[in-house]
């Protein structure tokens, strides 16, 4: 009998020990998971520099959250999301892309907002002279004009709208060189592969190889805004919401203004 009681006691004790170790392991795993939260943020290419600095500032306050960026044309980023990309936060350079996701019920209600605004500008290489207005794009010496592909690049859409309003679109269309995102437009003008280009004022601000000729009147194109939202597919809801909250902080606003963005 004593042997049976001992075995019963030993079995209970062993089971308790296994449960205790198991719970401790689960608890430790939970802490490790919390300390290595990763957020994938898909953002318009024109936000690359400002968002890298914002990331540095954010991770000083949230060192356990690892922000990973995917920069590109807003239309291309939308396609990736529609095809199932594991994106937590989307920042577009145009409202059309975010509207599409909202209509299909893919955004977390109450998280959509406007991060910033921008301006569309005409740029030329620093050494180019004699270009002072959009009308100069018709000049014979301007052989190539870089713009974003209007169907997928919001900057290209805004450029197309402005040039049509100015009445010069059809006459200069044969000169267009299309780019996959606005940073490629900037690179084309910087390298001299294009004689002029249409980019955001924030893109022109970061380059010493180009100069701004003129800014397009805002009445000639759709409002240039950067909507953002959390996607329902996120597995890190609270971290994603915290990041959006940081983007609306005074610290983040200061960085946005530093790079030439206009606060909404």
Foldseek 3Di string as FASTA:
>chain_A
DVVVVVVVVVVVVVVVVVVVVVVVVVVVVVVLCQLAAEAEEEEEQLCVVLVVVLQVVVCVVVVSYHYHYDYFFLQVVLVCVVVPPLHFKYKHQDVVSVVVCVVVPFFDPPFKDFLFFWFKFKKAFPPDDDDQDPVCCLPPVFQAEEFEDLVGHVQNVQVQQLCVVVVCCVSNVVRYDYDRYQLVNVVCRLVVVGGMYMHIPLSVQVDPGMDTNDIGDPVSGDTGTIMMGTTPSHPCVVVSSVSSVSSPDPVSVVSCVVSPTHGD
